Structures are given as C-alpha cells and as structure tokens.
Amino acid sequence: MKKTLLFLFLGTICSLNAQNTHMLGLTVGVGSPMGKFAKQGDSATGYANSGLTYTINYDYATSKNWGGYFTFINQSFGFDADNYTRSNDPDFTRTEYFGFNYNIKSLNYGASYIINKNHKFSVTPKLGMGISIIRANAVGVNYRFLGSDLSVTEAINSTAAVNYNFGFDFTFRKSVESQLSYYVKTYWQTSSPELNHTTTTKIDGQLFDKTISKYTQSMGYSSFSVGVRYILKRK
C-alpha cells in the first residue's frame, strides 16, 4: 500500500511538472441538499436546507487538454430545527428551540478534460473524489411536560468521510485580459458518513439522561456557483 501511494504521489508530481497551463480559481454560490439529506421524518434523514458554498480551485491542463484538479470546498446547510423539534404528543408543549448549520469541508482530487481550451467559451467535465470532515452544531429544544421543564440537546459530528463528486465548469475566457476568466461551476457530491449522535436530557435543570449513538447519514447535494479564474503561463 505504501509503495502504491508513493507511486501515485510521484506520478502526480511528474504530471504537474509536465503541464503548460496552471489555473487558480475561487467561486461562491448556493448548495441544495438531495435525497435523504433533505428529507424529513426519521433518524436517518437530514432535515437539511439550502446553504452557502465556496470553493478554492487549482486546475492544470496539458497541451492535449487533459488535466487534473485539486478543490477545497466549504459547504454550510441550514437545519430545519422547527420541524425536527416539533412534537405531536399533547403532553409536550414546546417553549423554545434552536438549531445550527451542518458544515462540510472537503478536499477533492480528480481528472478533467477541457473542451475548447483556447477559446473564449470552454466546458470542463471533471470526475474525482476526496475526504470530508462533517459537523453539525447542537440542536436544542425546551418543553413543558406535566408541569416540569424538560430540556433536550443533541450534538452531531463526524471526524471524516470519503466523498465522491462529479462536476462541470463552464468557463468564459478573456473577459478582462488574456489570463483572467469568469466561470460558472456546478458539481454534485455525495458521502455516507457515520455520525456520532449525543442526546442530553435535563428535567428542571438536573441531568436525567445522556445517550451516545452512531448512525449512517446519506449526504448528497448539488451546487451552483460563479467565480473568477486566473491562468498562469509556464515559461
């Protein structure tokens, strides 16, 4: 395994040195959760809403238009704490609730092919994978239950997860000068991390119960963003 990783690393370095075009880019846009990540109703669903995304991109391409990319993605999703904490039990009266965003940070690597590389308009399909760190801050709710104050706080986090992604760049070149271009970036990403779920329950301020469990959460989302890219010329 170590030899394989070494060969892959050396191959990447050699490939980078052989390139004649290097590009740096930044995009900002909106991400939309899909599938179980957006669905509501049980413990395996995400209750996620759309959120802000930004990417930092390094791309390289050969004279044959083939190349590769490294992308750092920071994605935040809203959490529907209203529906998540709602109770149909008539003995519970919800008095207060709060929730924070999911946050997904990913570093991806993959291959790309630039169509119409030297024209003002080009398309770049990409395919790759990487590693994500996923976290959701505490979700809390306060109830009145049979004359007592019941407080429930839930924290969700995961240290890391393998993710897969597939993206398209639509690049408009020479918009300001020969090395600067505007581009639109769309991509799809999915992962299924094992999350640590900690639930703390207090009655009238005193600890009643604390449970820690694990479950697998499907996290798929698509993103649409716009940005700028600077083309570096090799001498």
Protein backbone atom coordinates (compact mmCIF):
# COMPACT_ATOMS: atom_id res chain seq x y z
CA MET A 1 0.00 0.00 0.00
CA LYS A 2 2.80 2.44 0.89
CA LYS A 3 4.54 1.77 -2.44
CA THR A 4 1.28 2.34 -4.30
CA LEU A 5 0.71 5.67 -2.55
CA LEU A 6 4.32 6.68 -3.28
CA PHE A 7 3.94 5.87 -6.99
CA LEU A 8 0.68 7.82 -7.15
CA PHE A 9 2.33 10.81 -5.45
CA LEU A 10 5.37 10.73 -7.73
CA GLY A 11 3.12 10.34 -10.77
CA THR A 12 1.13 13.39 -9.73
CA ILE A 13 4.31 15.46 -9.24
CA CYS A 14 5.68 14.41 -12.63
CA SER A 15 2.35 15.20 -14.25
CA LEU A 16 2.31 18.66 -12.69
CA ASN A 17 5.83 19.40 -13.89
CA ALA A 18 4.87 18.40 -17.42
CA GLN A 19 1.95 20.78 -17.67
CA ASN A 20 1.98 24.04 -19.59
CA THR A 21 -1.16 25.64 -18.11
CA HIS A 22 -1.98 26.17 -14.44
CA MET A 23 -5.13 27.87 -13.14
CA LEU A 24 -6.25 29.24 -9.78
CA GLY A 25 -9.92 29.97 -9.11
CA LEU A 26 -12.45 30.99 -6.47
CA THR A 27 -16.24 30.57 -6.59
CA VAL A 28 -19.17 31.43 -4.32
CA GLY A 29 -22.69 30.05 -4.66
CA VAL A 30 -25.57 28.01 -3.27
CA GLY A 31 -25.78 24.32 -2.43
CA SER A 32 -29.01 22.29 -2.37
CA PRO A 33 -29.37 19.05 -0.35
CA MET A 34 -30.76 16.00 -2.12
CA GLY A 35 -32.30 12.66 -1.20
CA LYS A 36 -32.25 11.59 2.46
CA PHE A 37 -30.13 14.59 3.38
CA ALA A 38 -33.03 16.92 2.56
CA LYS A 39 -35.80 14.52 3.61
CA GLN A 40 -37.59 14.73 6.96
CA GLY A 41 -39.31 12.15 9.11
CA ASP A 42 -36.94 9.66 10.79
CA SER A 43 -33.49 9.35 12.35
CA ALA A 44 -31.77 8.57 9.01
CA THR A 45 -32.94 11.79 7.33
CA GLY A 46 -31.06 15.06 7.42
CA TYR A 47 -33.64 17.87 7.72
CA ALA A 48 -31.16 19.98 5.71
CA ASN A 49 -31.97 23.24 3.89
CA SER A 50 -30.06 25.04 1.14
CA GLY A 51 -26.94 26.92 2.17
CA LEU A 52 -23.82 28.82 1.15
CA THR A 53 -20.86 27.21 -0.59
CA TYR A 54 -17.46 28.43 -1.68
CA THR A 55 -14.62 26.65 -3.44
CA ILE A 56 -10.90 27.26 -3.93
CA ASN A 57 -9.71 25.56 -7.11
CA TYR A 58 -6.36 24.63 -8.61
CA ASP A 59 -6.53 23.16 -12.13
CA TYR A 60 -3.81 22.08 -14.53
CA ALA A 61 -4.03 21.05 -18.17
CA THR A 62 -1.70 19.64 -20.82
CA SER A 63 -1.47 20.68 -24.42
CA LYS A 64 -3.76 17.70 -25.14
CA ASN A 65 -6.49 19.26 -22.93
CA TRP A 66 -6.35 16.51 -20.33
CA GLY A 67 -5.54 17.53 -16.78
CA GLY A 68 -6.48 17.34 -13.15
CA TYR A 69 -7.63 19.44 -10.25
CA PHE A 70 -7.48 19.97 -6.51
CA THR A 71 -10.54 21.62 -4.95
CA PHE A 72 -11.24 22.75 -1.39
CA ILE A 73 -15.00 23.02 -0.75
CA ASN A 74 -16.63 24.62 2.27
CA GLN A 75 -20.36 23.93 2.38
CA SER A 76 -22.89 25.02 5.02
CA PHE A 77 -26.51 23.84 5.13
CA GLY A 78 -29.36 25.12 7.23
CA PHE A 79 -31.11 22.74 9.63
CA ASP A 80 -34.91 22.69 9.90
CA ALA A 81 -34.98 22.79 13.70
CA ASP A 82 -38.66 23.79 13.69
CA ASN A 83 -39.91 20.53 12.18
CA TYR A 84 -37.17 18.44 13.82
CA THR A 85 -38.19 19.50 17.34
CA ARG A 86 -41.95 19.54 16.76
CA SER A 87 -43.87 17.02 18.88
CA ASN A 88 -47.32 15.53 18.30
CA ASP A 89 -47.59 14.41 21.92
CA PRO A 90 -50.25 16.55 23.65
CA ASP A 91 -48.35 16.30 26.97
CA PHE A 92 -45.41 18.23 25.49
CA THR A 93 -45.61 21.99 24.98
CA ARG A 94 -42.60 23.30 23.11
CA THR A 95 -41.47 26.61 24.62
CA GLU A 96 -38.18 27.24 22.76
CA TYR A 97 -35.93 25.64 20.16
CA PHE A 98 -32.73 26.41 18.31
CA GLY A 99 -30.52 24.78 15.69
CA PHE A 100 -27.36 25.48 13.75
CA ASN A 101 -25.97 24.53 10.36
CA TYR A 102 -24.37 21.43 9.03
CA ASN A 103 -20.83 22.18 7.86
CA ILE A 104 -18.96 20.03 5.34
CA LYS A 105 -15.31 20.73 4.46
CA SER A 106 -13.91 18.65 1.60
CA LEU A 107 -10.60 18.31 -0.22
CA ASN A 108 -11.03 16.59 -3.58
CA TYR A 109 -8.72 15.46 -6.36
CA GLY A 110 -9.63 14.21 -9.82
CA ALA A 111 -9.22 14.27 -13.59
CA SER A 112 -10.58 16.80 -16.08
CA TYR A 113 -10.83 17.43 -19.79
CA ILE A 114 -11.09 20.93 -21.27
CA ILE A 115 -13.27 21.28 -24.37
CA ASN A 116 -12.45 24.37 -26.50
CA LYS A 117 -9.44 25.08 -24.29
CA ASN A 118 -8.12 28.11 -26.20
CA HIS A 119 -11.48 29.72 -26.96
CA LYS A 120 -13.47 32.34 -25.07
CA PHE A 121 -16.01 29.70 -24.10
CA SER A 122 -14.95 26.29 -22.80
CA VAL A 123 -16.51 23.38 -20.91
CA THR A 124 -14.58 21.26 -18.41
CA PRO A 125 -16.14 17.99 -17.20
CA LYS A 126 -14.48 16.67 -14.05
CA LEU A 127 -14.57 13.45 -12.06
CA GLY A 128 -12.91 12.84 -8.70
CA MET A 129 -13.14 12.01 -5.02
CA GLY A 130 -11.72 13.12 -1.71
CA ILE A 131 -12.10 13.41 2.05
CA SER A 132 -14.73 15.37 4.01
CA ILE A 133 -14.97 16.50 7.63
CA ILE A 134 -18.60 16.88 8.67
CA ARG A 135 -20.08 18.58 11.72
CA ALA A 136 -23.49 19.77 12.92
CA ASN A 137 -23.63 22.05 15.94
CA ALA A 138 -26.03 21.43 18.82
CA VAL A 139 -29.78 21.28 18.26
CA GLY A 140 -31.78 22.11 21.37
CA VAL A 141 -35.41 22.26 22.48
CA ASN A 142 -37.22 23.13 25.72
CA TYR A 143 -40.62 21.67 26.61
CA ARG A 144 -43.14 21.87 29.40
CA PHE A 145 -44.06 18.31 30.40
CA LEU A 146 -46.55 17.63 33.23
CA GLY A 147 -45.55 20.86 34.98
CA SER A 148 -41.80 20.29 34.61
CA ASP A 149 -39.23 21.96 32.36
CA LEU A 150 -37.72 19.39 30.00
CA SER A 151 -34.58 20.34 28.06
CA VAL A 152 -33.15 18.17 25.25
CA THR A 153 -29.85 18.97 23.49
CA GLU A 154 -28.44 16.97 20.59
CA ALA A 155 -24.96 17.22 19.08
CA ILE A 156 -23.98 15.55 15.79
CA ASN A 157 -20.47 15.19 14.39
CA SER A 158 -18.18 13.02 12.29
CA THR A 159 -14.40 13.11 12.10
CA ALA A 160 -14.05 12.21 8.42
CA ALA A 161 -15.78 10.53 5.49
CA VAL A 162 -14.89 9.53 1.95
CA ASN A 163 -16.87 11.53 -0.58
CA TYR A 164 -17.37 11.29 -4.34
CA ASN A 165 -18.04 14.18 -6.69
CA PHE A 166 -18.76 14.95 -10.32
CA GLY A 167 -18.65 18.47 -11.70
CA PHE A 168 -18.82 20.73 -14.75
CA ASP A 169 -17.09 24.09 -15.22
CA PHE A 170 -18.43 26.48 -17.85
CA THR A 171 -15.59 28.93 -18.44
CA PHE A 172 -15.78 32.27 -20.26
CA ARG A 173 -12.23 33.24 -21.15
CA LYS A 174 -10.55 36.55 -22.00
CA SER A 175 -13.33 38.51 -20.32
CA VAL A 176 -10.94 41.10 -18.87
CA GLU A 177 -7.48 40.13 -20.06
CA SER A 178 -5.83 37.09 -21.59
CA GLN A 179 -5.15 35.39 -18.26
CA LEU A 180 -8.34 36.23 -16.36
CA SER A 181 -11.65 34.46 -16.92
CA TYR A 182 -15.07 34.24 -15.35
CA TYR A 183 -16.66 30.84 -14.90
CA VAL A 184 -19.73 29.02 -13.67
CA LYS A 185 -19.20 25.88 -11.62
CA THR A 186 -21.75 23.15 -10.99
CA TYR A 187 -21.00 19.92 -9.18
CA TRP A 188 -22.61 17.02 -7.37
CA GLN A 189 -21.17 15.39 -4.28
CA THR A 190 -22.21 12.53 -2.05
CA SER A 191 -20.95 10.75 1.06
CA SER A 192 -22.41 8.47 3.75
CA PRO A 193 -20.55 9.21 6.99
CA GLU A 194 -21.07 7.51 10.32
CA LEU A 195 -22.20 10.26 12.69
CA ASN A 196 -21.85 10.39 16.45
CA HIS A 197 -25.17 11.47 17.98
CA THR A 198 -25.16 12.65 21.63
CA THR A 199 -28.50 13.38 23.32
CA THR A 200 -28.57 15.11 26.73
CA THR A 201 -31.85 15.38 28.64
CA LYS A 202 -32.41 17.54 31.72
CA ILE A 203 -35.52 17.94 33.90
CA ASP A 204 -35.78 21.20 35.87
CA GLY A 205 -32.07 21.78 35.22
CA GLN A 206 -30.94 18.38 36.56
CA LEU A 207 -29.33 15.75 34.32
CA PHE A 208 -31.84 12.99 33.61
CA ASP A 209 -30.25 11.02 30.76
CA LYS A 210 -27.35 11.12 28.31
CA THR A 211 -27.05 8.71 25.39
CA ILE A 212 -24.44 8.38 22.66
CA SER A 213 -25.30 6.53 19.46
CA LYS A 214 -24.00 6.14 15.92
CA TYR A 215 -25.88 6.14 12.65
CA THR A 216 -25.10 6.46 8.94
CA GLN A 217 -26.32 9.63 7.24
CA SER A 218 -26.58 9.87 3.47
CA MET A 219 -25.37 13.35 2.43
CA GLY A 220 -25.88 14.22 -1.22
CA TYR A 221 -26.06 17.73 -2.62
CA SER A 222 -25.64 19.76 -5.77
CA SER A 223 -24.09 23.21 -6.03
CA PHE A 224 -24.21 26.16 -8.41
CA SER A 225 -21.60 28.91 -8.04
CA VAL A 226 -19.82 31.63 -10.02
CA GLY A 227 -16.28 32.92 -9.73
CA VAL A 228 -13.05 34.04 -11.32
CA ARG A 229 -10.04 32.10 -12.51
CA TYR A 230 -6.50 33.29 -13.19
CA ILE A 231 -4.50 31.40 -15.81
CA LEU A 232 -0.79 31.03 -15.04
CA LYS A 233 1.50 30.77 -18.04
CA ARG A 234 4.54 28.49 -17.76
CA LYS A 235 7.78 29.89 -19.15
